[in-house]
Amino acid sequence: TAMGLEAPLEILKVKPNRYLFRAQLGPMGELLSGYDGEHAWAIQPGMAPTLVTGAEGKLIADQADFYADLHDLARFDKVETVDQTTFEGRPTYRVRMTRPTGEILTEYFDAETGLSAGVSASVTGPMGAMELVSVFQGYQRFGGVLRPTRTIQRNPQFETLLTISSIEFDGVSEEAVAMPVAVRALIPPR
């Protein structure tokens, strides 16, 4: 938002973990990233296609998880309600979820509605470890499922506002999330 850039985006997911993210960055070009169930990849404006590995690749793989929002408790070693606190000016319950890797995700549930008000987590990216915060607002029903229509994402460098205009279910094909040929060519033969 600080850059004044409006970038229409599309997120496509196929069960259980196939994913494509596409954003039009105006005159800068198109940003693509995805996960084919095994390989994370990215194509950024002005750069060659790349396979994404390490912590960054794990972030893309995590985004590809079709069921991530359901918080399957089998995916966590420990889930505990820490306390009642205020998050973004609202009374919430702070819940700490620890993955088998030791990674900790903290989610805030609105004390009145029970809906997720937001999430905070420490992630490692190209600039090292940083705290990311996502704030969820404006819940609406899409296909009978209650989803936030506004997500404010904050990190130490900038803030992003995602506004959801539509969500469609069961209409994404395998071809729609297929890895581009230029990226597939980077995978070494087995």
N, C-alpha and C. Protein backbone atom coordinates (compact mmCIF):
# COMPACT_ATOMS: atom_id res chain seq x y z
N THR A 1 0.83 -1.20 0.00
CA THR A 1 0.00 0.00 0.00
C THR A 1 0.86 1.25 0.00
N ALA A 2 2.03 1.21 0.64
CA ALA A 2 2.90 2.39 0.69
C ALA A 2 3.40 2.76 -0.71
N MET A 3 3.55 1.77 -1.58
CA MET A 3 4.02 2.02 -2.95
C MET A 3 2.91 2.52 -3.85
N GLY A 4 1.65 2.42 -3.38
CA GLY A 4 0.53 2.83 -4.20
C GLY A 4 0.28 1.88 -5.36
N LEU A 5 0.75 0.67 -5.26
CA LEU A 5 0.62 -0.32 -6.32
C LEU A 5 -0.63 -1.16 -6.10
N GLU A 6 -1.45 -1.23 -7.13
CA GLU A 6 -2.60 -2.12 -7.09
C GLU A 6 -2.29 -3.27 -8.04
N ALA A 7 -2.34 -4.50 -7.52
CA ALA A 7 -1.94 -5.66 -8.31
C ALA A 7 -3.01 -6.73 -8.25
N PRO A 8 -3.85 -6.84 -9.28
CA PRO A 8 -4.83 -7.92 -9.29
C PRO A 8 -4.11 -9.27 -9.19
N LEU A 9 -4.66 -10.16 -8.35
CA LEU A 9 -4.01 -11.45 -8.19
C LEU A 9 -5.02 -12.56 -8.21
N GLU A 10 -4.49 -13.75 -8.45
CA GLU A 10 -5.30 -14.94 -8.51
C GLU A 10 -4.54 -16.04 -7.78
N ILE A 11 -5.24 -16.77 -6.93
CA ILE A 11 -4.65 -17.90 -6.23
C ILE A 11 -5.49 -19.13 -6.58
N LEU A 12 -4.83 -20.13 -7.14
CA LEU A 12 -5.50 -21.36 -7.53
C LEU A 12 -4.94 -22.52 -6.72
N LYS A 13 -5.81 -23.39 -6.22
CA LYS A 13 -5.36 -24.56 -5.46
C LYS A 13 -6.12 -25.80 -5.92
N VAL A 14 -5.39 -26.91 -5.96
CA VAL A 14 -5.96 -28.22 -6.26
C VAL A 14 -5.53 -29.15 -5.14
N LYS A 15 -6.47 -29.95 -4.62
CA LYS A 15 -6.19 -30.88 -3.53
C LYS A 15 -5.11 -31.87 -3.95
N PRO A 16 -4.21 -32.27 -3.08
CA PRO A 16 -4.03 -31.80 -1.71
C PRO A 16 -3.05 -30.62 -1.61
N ASN A 17 -2.15 -30.45 -2.61
CA ASN A 17 -1.12 -29.43 -2.43
C ASN A 17 -0.53 -28.92 -3.75
N ARG A 18 -1.38 -28.66 -4.70
CA ARG A 18 -0.94 -28.05 -5.97
C ARG A 18 -1.45 -26.61 -5.96
N TYR A 19 -0.60 -25.69 -6.45
CA TYR A 19 -0.87 -24.28 -6.18
C TYR A 19 -0.26 -23.40 -7.26
N LEU A 20 -0.97 -22.32 -7.58
CA LEU A 20 -0.46 -21.30 -8.49
C LEU A 20 -0.88 -19.94 -7.96
N PHE A 21 0.07 -19.03 -7.87
CA PHE A 21 -0.17 -17.64 -7.48
C PHE A 21 0.23 -16.78 -8.66
N ARG A 22 -0.67 -15.89 -9.08
CA ARG A 22 -0.40 -15.01 -10.22
C ARG A 22 -0.79 -13.59 -9.82
N ALA A 23 0.13 -12.65 -9.99
CA ALA A 23 -0.17 -11.23 -9.72
C ALA A 23 0.33 -10.38 -10.88
N GLN A 24 -0.51 -9.46 -11.32
CA GLN A 24 -0.14 -8.50 -12.36
C GLN A 24 0.38 -7.25 -11.67
N LEU A 25 1.66 -6.96 -11.86
CA LEU A 25 2.30 -5.83 -11.17
C LEU A 25 2.41 -4.61 -12.08
N GLY A 26 1.36 -4.35 -12.83
CA GLY A 26 1.33 -3.19 -13.71
C GLY A 26 2.45 -3.22 -14.72
N PRO A 27 3.15 -2.11 -14.90
CA PRO A 27 4.21 -2.05 -15.90
C PRO A 27 5.42 -2.93 -15.56
N MET A 28 5.52 -3.39 -14.31
CA MET A 28 6.66 -4.25 -13.94
C MET A 28 6.51 -5.65 -14.51
N GLY A 29 5.28 -6.09 -14.78
CA GLY A 29 5.08 -7.42 -15.35
C GLY A 29 4.29 -8.34 -14.43
N GLU A 30 4.36 -9.63 -14.75
CA GLU A 30 3.61 -10.64 -14.03
C GLU A 30 4.51 -11.42 -13.07
N LEU A 31 4.02 -11.65 -11.87
CA LEU A 31 4.71 -12.45 -10.86
C LEU A 31 3.96 -13.78 -10.75
N LEU A 32 4.68 -14.88 -10.86
CA LEU A 32 4.10 -16.21 -10.73
C LEU A 32 4.89 -17.00 -9.71
N SER A 33 4.19 -17.81 -8.94
CA SER A 33 4.86 -18.80 -8.10
C SER A 33 3.92 -19.98 -7.97
N GLY A 34 4.48 -21.11 -7.57
CA GLY A 34 3.63 -22.28 -7.46
C GLY A 34 4.32 -23.45 -6.81
N TYR A 35 3.54 -24.52 -6.71
CA TYR A 35 4.02 -25.75 -6.11
C TYR A 35 3.30 -26.90 -6.80
N ASP A 36 4.07 -27.90 -7.23
CA ASP A 36 3.47 -29.02 -7.96
C ASP A 36 3.33 -30.28 -7.10
N GLY A 37 3.43 -30.12 -5.79
CA GLY A 37 3.38 -31.27 -4.89
C GLY A 37 4.76 -31.74 -4.50
N GLU A 38 5.78 -31.26 -5.23
CA GLU A 38 7.16 -31.64 -4.95
C GLU A 38 8.13 -30.48 -5.07
N HIS A 39 7.92 -29.62 -6.04
CA HIS A 39 8.84 -28.51 -6.32
C HIS A 39 8.13 -27.16 -6.19
N ALA A 40 8.76 -26.24 -5.46
CA ALA A 40 8.30 -24.85 -5.41
C ALA A 40 9.07 -24.09 -6.48
N TRP A 41 8.42 -23.10 -7.06
CA TRP A 41 9.06 -22.36 -8.14
C TRP A 41 8.54 -20.92 -8.17
N ALA A 42 9.26 -20.07 -8.91
CA ALA A 42 8.85 -18.67 -9.05
C ALA A 42 9.36 -18.10 -10.36
N ILE A 43 8.58 -17.20 -10.92
CA ILE A 43 8.99 -16.41 -12.07
C ILE A 43 8.67 -14.96 -11.70
N GLN A 44 9.73 -14.15 -11.59
CA GLN A 44 9.55 -12.75 -11.20
C GLN A 44 9.91 -11.85 -12.37
N PRO A 45 9.28 -10.69 -12.46
CA PRO A 45 9.57 -9.79 -13.57
C PRO A 45 11.07 -9.48 -13.66
N GLY A 46 11.59 -9.60 -14.87
CA GLY A 46 13.00 -9.28 -15.11
C GLY A 46 13.98 -10.33 -14.64
N MET A 47 13.49 -11.48 -14.16
CA MET A 47 14.38 -12.53 -13.68
C MET A 47 14.04 -13.84 -14.38
N ALA A 48 15.02 -14.72 -14.42
CA ALA A 48 14.80 -16.05 -15.01
C ALA A 48 13.95 -16.89 -14.07
N PRO A 49 13.21 -17.86 -14.60
CA PRO A 49 12.46 -18.79 -13.75
C PRO A 49 13.41 -19.51 -12.79
N THR A 50 12.93 -19.81 -11.57
CA THR A 50 13.77 -20.49 -10.59
C THR A 50 12.98 -21.55 -9.84
N LEU A 51 13.69 -22.60 -9.44
CA LEU A 51 13.16 -23.53 -8.46
C LEU A 51 13.46 -22.91 -7.11
N VAL A 52 12.53 -22.93 -6.22
CA VAL A 52 12.70 -22.28 -4.92
C VAL A 52 12.86 -23.37 -3.87
N THR A 53 13.95 -23.31 -3.12
CA THR A 53 14.25 -24.33 -2.12
C THR A 53 14.41 -23.70 -0.74
N GLY A 54 14.76 -24.50 0.22
CA GLY A 54 15.01 -24.01 1.57
C GLY A 54 13.77 -23.42 2.21
N ALA A 55 13.98 -22.43 3.07
CA ALA A 55 12.89 -21.82 3.82
C ALA A 55 11.87 -21.17 2.90
N GLU A 56 12.33 -20.55 1.81
CA GLU A 56 11.40 -19.91 0.88
C GLU A 56 10.54 -20.95 0.17
N GLY A 57 11.15 -22.06 -0.21
CA GLY A 57 10.40 -23.14 -0.84
C GLY A 57 9.36 -23.72 0.10
N LYS A 58 9.72 -23.83 1.38
CA LYS A 58 8.78 -24.34 2.38
C LYS A 58 7.59 -23.40 2.53
N LEU A 59 7.83 -22.09 2.47
CA LEU A 59 6.72 -21.14 2.55
C LEU A 59 5.73 -21.34 1.41
N ILE A 60 6.25 -21.55 0.20
CA ILE A 60 5.37 -21.78 -0.95
C ILE A 60 4.63 -23.09 -0.77
N ALA A 61 5.32 -24.13 -0.33
CA ALA A 61 4.68 -25.43 -0.10
C ALA A 61 3.59 -25.31 0.96
N ASP A 62 3.84 -24.54 2.01
CA ASP A 62 2.82 -24.33 3.04
C ASP A 62 1.59 -23.62 2.47
N GLN A 63 1.82 -22.65 1.58
CA GLN A 63 0.70 -21.93 0.96
C GLN A 63 -0.11 -22.86 0.06
N ALA A 64 0.53 -23.89 -0.47
CA ALA A 64 -0.14 -24.82 -1.37
C ALA A 64 -1.06 -25.79 -0.65
N ASP A 65 -0.90 -25.95 0.64
CA ASP A 65 -1.71 -26.90 1.41
C ASP A 65 -3.18 -26.52 1.34
N PHE A 66 -3.95 -27.32 0.63
CA PHE A 66 -5.37 -27.05 0.41
C PHE A 66 -6.15 -26.96 1.71
N TYR A 67 -5.74 -27.73 2.71
CA TYR A 67 -6.48 -27.83 3.96
C TYR A 67 -5.86 -27.02 5.10
N ALA A 68 -4.89 -26.18 4.84
CA ALA A 68 -4.16 -25.47 5.90
C ALA A 68 -5.08 -24.68 6.83
N ASP A 69 -6.09 -24.03 6.28
CA ASP A 69 -6.97 -23.20 7.10
C ASP A 69 -7.79 -24.00 8.10
N LEU A 70 -7.88 -25.32 7.90
CA LEU A 70 -8.67 -26.16 8.80
C LEU A 70 -7.92 -26.53 10.07
N HIS A 71 -6.61 -26.28 10.11
CA HIS A 71 -5.80 -26.57 11.29
C HIS A 71 -5.95 -28.01 11.76
N ASP A 72 -5.62 -28.94 10.90
CA ASP A 72 -5.63 -30.36 11.28
C ASP A 72 -4.68 -30.52 12.47
N LEU A 73 -5.23 -30.87 13.61
CA LEU A 73 -4.43 -30.96 14.84
C LEU A 73 -3.34 -32.01 14.75
N ALA A 74 -3.48 -32.98 13.85
CA ALA A 74 -2.44 -34.00 13.66
C ALA A 74 -1.15 -33.40 13.11
N ARG A 75 -1.24 -32.19 12.56
CA ARG A 75 -0.06 -31.53 11.99
C ARG A 75 0.71 -30.70 13.02
N PHE A 76 0.26 -30.73 14.26
CA PHE A 76 0.91 -29.95 15.31
C PHE A 76 1.27 -30.86 16.48
N ASP A 77 2.42 -30.59 17.09
CA ASP A 77 2.80 -31.32 18.30
C ASP A 77 2.03 -30.81 19.51
N LYS A 78 1.72 -29.51 19.48
CA LYS A 78 1.06 -28.91 20.63
C LYS A 78 0.19 -27.75 20.17
N VAL A 79 -1.03 -27.67 20.72
CA VAL A 79 -1.93 -26.55 20.48
C VAL A 79 -2.47 -26.13 21.83
N GLU A 80 -2.28 -24.85 22.17
CA GLU A 80 -2.72 -24.41 23.49
C GLU A 80 -3.25 -22.98 23.44
N THR A 81 -4.33 -22.75 24.18
CA THR A 81 -4.83 -21.39 24.36
C THR A 81 -3.94 -20.74 25.41
N VAL A 82 -3.26 -19.68 25.00
CA VAL A 82 -2.29 -19.02 25.87
C VAL A 82 -2.97 -18.07 26.84
N ASP A 83 -3.83 -17.20 26.31
CA ASP A 83 -4.49 -16.21 27.15
C ASP A 83 -5.57 -15.50 26.36
N GLN A 84 -6.26 -14.61 27.04
CA GLN A 84 -7.19 -13.71 26.36
C GLN A 84 -6.47 -12.38 26.27
N THR A 85 -6.44 -11.80 25.08
CA THR A 85 -5.68 -10.58 24.85
C THR A 85 -6.41 -9.71 23.85
N THR A 86 -5.81 -8.59 23.50
CA THR A 86 -6.37 -7.70 22.48
C THR A 86 -5.51 -7.82 21.23
N PHE A 87 -6.16 -7.99 20.11
CA PHE A 87 -5.49 -8.05 18.81
C PHE A 87 -6.23 -7.12 17.87
N GLU A 88 -5.54 -6.12 17.35
CA GLU A 88 -6.15 -5.14 16.45
C GLU A 88 -7.38 -4.49 17.07
N GLY A 89 -7.30 -4.23 18.37
CA GLY A 89 -8.37 -3.53 19.06
C GLY A 89 -9.56 -4.37 19.46
N ARG A 90 -9.50 -5.68 19.23
CA ARG A 90 -10.61 -6.58 19.55
C ARG A 90 -10.18 -7.58 20.62
N PRO A 91 -11.08 -7.95 21.52
CA PRO A 91 -10.74 -9.00 22.48
C PRO A 91 -10.65 -10.34 21.76
N THR A 92 -9.55 -11.05 22.00
CA THR A 92 -9.32 -12.33 21.32
C THR A 92 -8.73 -13.36 22.27
N TYR A 93 -8.78 -14.60 21.82
CA TYR A 93 -8.05 -15.68 22.48
C TYR A 93 -6.81 -15.94 21.65
N ARG A 94 -5.65 -15.93 22.31
CA ARG A 94 -4.38 -16.21 21.64
C ARG A 94 -4.12 -17.71 21.74
N VAL A 95 -3.96 -18.36 20.58
CA VAL A 95 -3.72 -19.80 20.52
C VAL A 95 -2.36 -20.04 19.87
N ARG A 96 -1.51 -20.78 20.57
CA ARG A 96 -0.16 -21.10 20.07
C ARG A 96 -0.17 -22.53 19.53
N MET A 97 0.25 -22.68 18.28
CA MET A 97 0.31 -23.99 17.62
C MET A 97 1.76 -24.29 17.24
N THR A 98 2.28 -25.40 17.75
CA THR A 98 3.68 -25.76 17.50
C THR A 98 3.74 -26.94 16.56
N ARG A 99 4.42 -26.75 15.43
CA ARG A 99 4.59 -27.82 14.44
C ARG A 99 5.71 -28.77 14.89
N PRO A 100 5.76 -29.97 14.32
CA PRO A 100 6.84 -30.91 14.66
C PRO A 100 8.24 -30.34 14.39
N THR A 101 8.35 -29.36 13.47
CA THR A 101 9.63 -28.73 13.16
C THR A 101 10.06 -27.73 14.23
N GLY A 102 9.16 -27.44 15.19
CA GLY A 102 9.45 -26.43 16.20
C GLY A 102 8.89 -25.06 15.83
N GLU A 103 8.46 -24.91 14.58
CA GLU A 103 7.88 -23.65 14.12
C GLU A 103 6.61 -23.37 14.93
N ILE A 104 6.46 -22.13 15.34
CA ILE A 104 5.30 -21.73 16.14
C ILE A 104 4.45 -20.75 15.35
N LEU A 105 3.16 -21.04 15.30
CA LEU A 105 2.17 -20.19 14.66
C LEU A 105 1.25 -19.70 15.77
N THR A 106 1.02 -18.41 15.85
CA THR A 106 0.12 -17.86 16.85
C THR A 106 -1.09 -17.30 16.14
N GLU A 107 -2.27 -17.80 16.51
CA GLU A 107 -3.50 -17.33 15.88
C GLU A 107 -4.39 -16.70 16.94
N TYR A 108 -5.07 -15.64 16.54
CA TYR A 108 -5.94 -14.90 17.44
C TYR A 108 -7.39 -15.11 17.00
N PHE A 109 -8.22 -15.63 17.90
CA PHE A 109 -9.62 -15.88 17.60
C PHE A 109 -10.49 -14.87 18.32
N ASP A 110 -11.35 -14.20 17.58
CA ASP A 110 -12.23 -13.17 18.12
C ASP A 110 -13.06 -13.76 19.25
N ALA A 111 -13.02 -13.13 20.43
CA ALA A 111 -13.71 -13.65 21.61
C ALA A 111 -15.23 -13.64 21.44
N GLU A 112 -15.74 -12.76 20.60
CA GLU A 112 -17.19 -12.66 20.40
C GLU A 112 -17.69 -13.61 19.31
N THR A 113 -17.00 -13.65 18.16
CA THR A 113 -17.49 -14.43 17.02
C THR A 113 -16.85 -15.81 16.91
N GLY A 114 -15.66 -15.98 17.48
CA GLY A 114 -14.93 -17.24 17.34
C GLY A 114 -14.16 -17.33 16.04
N LEU A 115 -14.29 -16.34 15.15
CA LEU A 115 -13.60 -16.35 13.88
C LEU A 115 -12.14 -15.92 14.06
N SER A 116 -11.29 -16.38 13.16
CA SER A 116 -9.89 -15.98 13.21
C SER A 116 -9.78 -14.49 12.93
N ALA A 117 -9.15 -13.77 13.84
CA ALA A 117 -8.92 -12.34 13.68
C ALA A 117 -7.56 -12.08 13.02
N GLY A 118 -6.67 -13.08 13.12
CA GLY A 118 -5.35 -12.91 12.52
C GLY A 118 -4.36 -13.94 13.00
N VAL A 119 -3.17 -13.86 12.41
CA VAL A 119 -2.10 -14.81 12.67
C VAL A 119 -0.78 -14.06 12.74
N SER A 120 0.12 -14.54 13.60
CA SER A 120 1.49 -14.03 13.58
C SER A 120 2.44 -15.22 13.60
N ALA A 121 3.54 -15.06 12.88
CA ALA A 121 4.53 -16.13 12.82
C ALA A 121 5.88 -15.53 12.46
N SER A 122 6.92 -16.17 12.91
CA SER A 122 8.27 -15.80 12.51
C SER A 122 8.64 -16.70 11.34
N VAL A 123 9.02 -16.07 10.22
CA VAL A 123 9.40 -16.83 9.03
C VAL A 123 10.79 -16.41 8.59
N THR A 124 11.47 -17.34 7.93
CA THR A 124 12.80 -17.06 7.41
C THR A 124 12.70 -16.92 5.91
N GLY A 125 13.17 -15.80 5.40
CA GLY A 125 13.14 -15.53 3.97
C GLY A 125 14.49 -15.04 3.51
N PRO A 126 14.56 -14.42 2.35
CA PRO A 126 15.84 -13.96 1.81
C PRO A 126 16.54 -12.93 2.68
N MET A 127 15.77 -12.23 3.53
CA MET A 127 16.36 -11.21 4.40
C MET A 127 16.51 -11.70 5.83
N GLY A 128 16.44 -13.04 6.02
CA GLY A 128 16.57 -13.60 7.36
C GLY A 128 15.22 -13.78 8.03
N ALA A 129 15.23 -13.96 9.35
CA ALA A 129 14.00 -14.19 10.10
C ALA A 129 13.27 -12.86 10.31
N MET A 130 11.95 -12.90 10.16
CA MET A 130 11.14 -11.72 10.42
C MET A 130 9.76 -12.14 10.90
N GLU A 131 9.13 -11.25 11.63
CA GLU A 131 7.79 -11.50 12.14
C GLU A 131 6.77 -11.03 11.10
N LEU A 132 5.87 -11.92 10.72
CA LEU A 132 4.78 -11.59 9.81
C LEU A 132 3.47 -11.61 10.57
N VAL A 133 2.62 -10.65 10.30
CA VAL A 133 1.31 -10.57 10.93
C VAL A 133 0.28 -10.44 9.82
N SER A 134 -0.77 -11.25 9.89
CA SER A 134 -1.90 -11.14 8.98
C SER A 134 -3.14 -10.85 9.81
N VAL A 135 -3.92 -9.87 9.37
CA VAL A 135 -5.15 -9.46 10.05
C VAL A 135 -6.31 -9.77 9.11
N PHE A 136 -7.32 -10.50 9.62
CA PHE A 136 -8.47 -10.90 8.80
C PHE A 136 -9.69 -10.08 9.16
N GLN A 137 -10.37 -9.55 8.15
CA GLN A 137 -11.53 -8.68 8.37
C GLN A 137 -12.60 -8.94 7.31
N GLY A 138 -13.80 -8.45 7.57
CA GLY A 138 -14.87 -8.44 6.57
C GLY A 138 -15.31 -9.81 6.11
N TYR A 139 -15.61 -10.69 7.05
CA TYR A 139 -16.03 -12.04 6.68
C TYR A 139 -17.33 -12.02 5.88
N GLN A 140 -17.35 -12.84 4.81
CA GLN A 140 -18.54 -13.06 3.99
C GLN A 140 -18.61 -14.53 3.62
N ARG A 141 -19.80 -14.96 3.21
CA ARG A 141 -20.00 -16.35 2.78
C ARG A 141 -19.71 -16.49 1.29
N PHE A 142 -18.91 -17.49 0.96
CA PHE A 142 -18.64 -17.88 -0.42
C PHE A 142 -18.92 -19.37 -0.50
N GLY A 143 -19.92 -19.75 -1.28
CA GLY A 143 -20.27 -21.17 -1.40
C GLY A 143 -20.57 -21.80 -0.05
N GLY A 144 -21.15 -21.03 0.86
CA GLY A 144 -21.49 -21.55 2.18
C GLY A 144 -20.35 -21.52 3.18
N VAL A 145 -19.18 -21.07 2.76
CA VAL A 145 -18.00 -21.03 3.64
C VAL A 145 -17.71 -19.57 4.01
N LEU A 146 -17.56 -19.32 5.29
CA LEU A 146 -17.27 -17.98 5.79
C LEU A 146 -15.77 -17.70 5.62
N ARG A 147 -15.43 -16.65 4.86
CA ARG A 147 -14.03 -16.30 4.60
C ARG A 147 -13.84 -14.80 4.76
N PRO A 148 -12.64 -14.35 5.20
CA PRO A 148 -12.39 -12.91 5.27
C PRO A 148 -12.24 -12.33 3.86
N THR A 149 -12.75 -11.12 3.66
CA THR A 149 -12.61 -10.47 2.35
C THR A 149 -11.46 -9.46 2.34
N ARG A 150 -10.93 -9.16 3.51
CA ARG A 150 -9.77 -8.27 3.61
C ARG A 150 -8.71 -8.94 4.48
N THR A 151 -7.49 -8.97 3.97
CA THR A 151 -6.36 -9.46 4.75
C THR A 151 -5.27 -8.40 4.68
N ILE A 152 -4.88 -7.92 5.84
CA ILE A 152 -3.76 -6.97 5.93
C ILE A 152 -2.56 -7.79 6.35
N GLN A 153 -1.51 -7.78 5.52
CA GLN A 153 -0.29 -8.50 5.83
C GLN A 153 0.81 -7.49 6.13
N ARG A 154 1.43 -7.67 7.30
CA ARG A 154 2.49 -6.75 7.72
C ARG A 154 3.79 -7.51 7.94
N ASN A 155 4.87 -6.90 7.47
CA ASN A 155 6.21 -7.36 7.82
C ASN A 155 7.04 -6.12 8.07
N PRO A 156 8.27 -6.26 8.51
CA PRO A 156 9.05 -5.06 8.86
C PRO A 156 9.27 -4.09 7.70
N GLN A 157 9.21 -4.57 6.45
CA GLN A 157 9.48 -3.69 5.32
C GLN A 157 8.24 -2.97 4.79
N PHE A 158 7.07 -3.64 4.77
CA PHE A 158 5.92 -3.03 4.15
C PHE A 158 4.62 -3.71 4.61
N GLU A 159 3.52 -3.11 4.19
CA GLU A 159 2.19 -3.63 4.49
C GLU A 159 1.47 -3.87 3.17
N THR A 160 0.76 -4.99 3.09
CA THR A 160 0.00 -5.34 1.90
C THR A 160 -1.46 -5.52 2.30
N LEU A 161 -2.36 -5.02 1.48
CA LEU A 161 -3.79 -5.21 1.70
C LEU A 161 -4.31 -6.10 0.57
N LEU A 162 -4.86 -7.25 0.93
CA LEU A 162 -5.49 -8.14 -0.04
C LEU A 162 -6.99 -8.01 0.12
N THR A 163 -7.67 -7.71 -0.97
CA THR A 163 -9.12 -7.62 -0.97
C THR A 163 -9.66 -8.72 -1.85
N ILE A 164 -10.48 -9.59 -1.28
CA ILE A 164 -11.03 -10.72 -2.02
C ILE A 164 -12.36 -10.30 -2.64
N SER A 165 -12.48 -10.46 -3.94
CA SER A 165 -13.73 -10.13 -4.61
C SER A 165 -14.56 -11.37 -4.89
N SER A 166 -13.89 -12.52 -5.07
CA SER A 166 -14.66 -13.74 -5.28
C SER A 166 -13.82 -14.96 -4.91
N ILE A 167 -14.52 -16.01 -4.52
CA ILE A 167 -13.91 -17.30 -4.25
C ILE A 167 -14.80 -18.34 -4.93
N GLU A 168 -14.17 -19.22 -5.70
CA GLU A 168 -14.90 -20.28 -6.37
C GLU A 168 -14.34 -21.61 -5.90
N PHE A 169 -15.23 -22.59 -5.75
CA PHE A 169 -14.82 -23.91 -5.29
C PHE A 169 -15.03 -24.94 -6.41
N ASP A 170 -14.15 -25.92 -6.42
CA ASP A 170 -14.27 -27.09 -7.30
C ASP A 170 -14.25 -26.75 -8.78
N GLY A 171 -13.56 -25.72 -9.17
CA GLY A 171 -13.50 -25.36 -10.58
C GLY A 171 -12.09 -25.25 -11.12
N VAL A 172 -11.09 -25.67 -10.36
CA VAL A 172 -9.70 -25.52 -10.79
C VAL A 172 -9.19 -26.87 -11.31
N SER A 173 -8.66 -26.86 -12.50
CA SER A 173 -8.14 -28.08 -13.11
C SER A 173 -6.64 -28.23 -12.82
N GLU A 174 -6.15 -29.44 -13.01
CA GLU A 174 -4.70 -29.70 -12.87
C GLU A 174 -3.91 -28.82 -13.85
N GLU A 175 -4.44 -28.63 -15.05
CA GLU A 175 -3.75 -27.82 -16.06
C GLU A 175 -3.61 -26.37 -15.62
N ALA A 176 -4.59 -25.87 -14.88
CA ALA A 176 -4.57 -24.47 -14.44
C ALA A 176 -3.44 -24.18 -13.47
N VAL A 177 -2.98 -25.19 -12.73
CA VAL A 177 -1.90 -24.99 -11.76
C VAL A 177 -0.60 -25.64 -12.23
N ALA A 178 -0.57 -26.08 -13.48
CA ALA A 178 0.61 -26.78 -14.00
C ALA A 178 1.84 -25.87 -14.01
N MET A 179 2.97 -26.47 -13.70
CA MET A 179 4.24 -25.76 -13.71
C MET A 179 4.57 -25.34 -15.15
N PRO A 180 4.97 -24.09 -15.37
CA PRO A 180 5.34 -23.66 -16.72
C PRO A 180 6.51 -24.49 -17.27
N VAL A 181 6.52 -24.64 -18.58
CA VAL A 181 7.56 -25.43 -19.25
C VAL A 181 8.95 -24.89 -18.90
N ALA A 182 9.12 -23.56 -18.82
CA ALA A 182 10.43 -22.97 -18.52
C ALA A 182 10.93 -23.38 -17.14
N VAL A 183 10.04 -23.61 -16.20
CA VAL A 183 10.43 -24.05 -14.86
C VAL A 183 10.68 -25.56 -14.87
N ARG A 184 9.81 -26.31 -15.52
CA ARG A 184 9.96 -27.77 -15.60
C ARG A 184 11.33 -28.13 -16.16
N ALA A 185 11.84 -27.32 -17.09
CA ALA A 185 13.15 -27.59 -17.70
C ALA A 185 14.28 -27.48 -16.68
N LEU A 186 14.05 -26.85 -15.55
CA LEU A 186 15.10 -26.69 -14.52
C LEU A 186 15.22 -27.91 -13.60
N ILE A 187 14.24 -28.80 -13.65
CA ILE A 187 14.25 -29.98 -12.77
C ILE A 187 15.19 -31.03 -13.34
N PRO A 188 16.22 -31.44 -12.58
CA PRO A 188 17.14 -32.43 -13.09
C PRO A 188 16.43 -33.78 -13.30
N PRO A 189 16.80 -34.52 -14.35
CA PRO A 189 16.19 -35.82 -14.56
C PRO A 189 16.54 -36.79 -13.43
N ARG A 190 15.64 -37.70 -13.15
CA ARG A 190 15.87 -38.66 -12.07
C ARG A 190 16.62 -39.87 -12.56
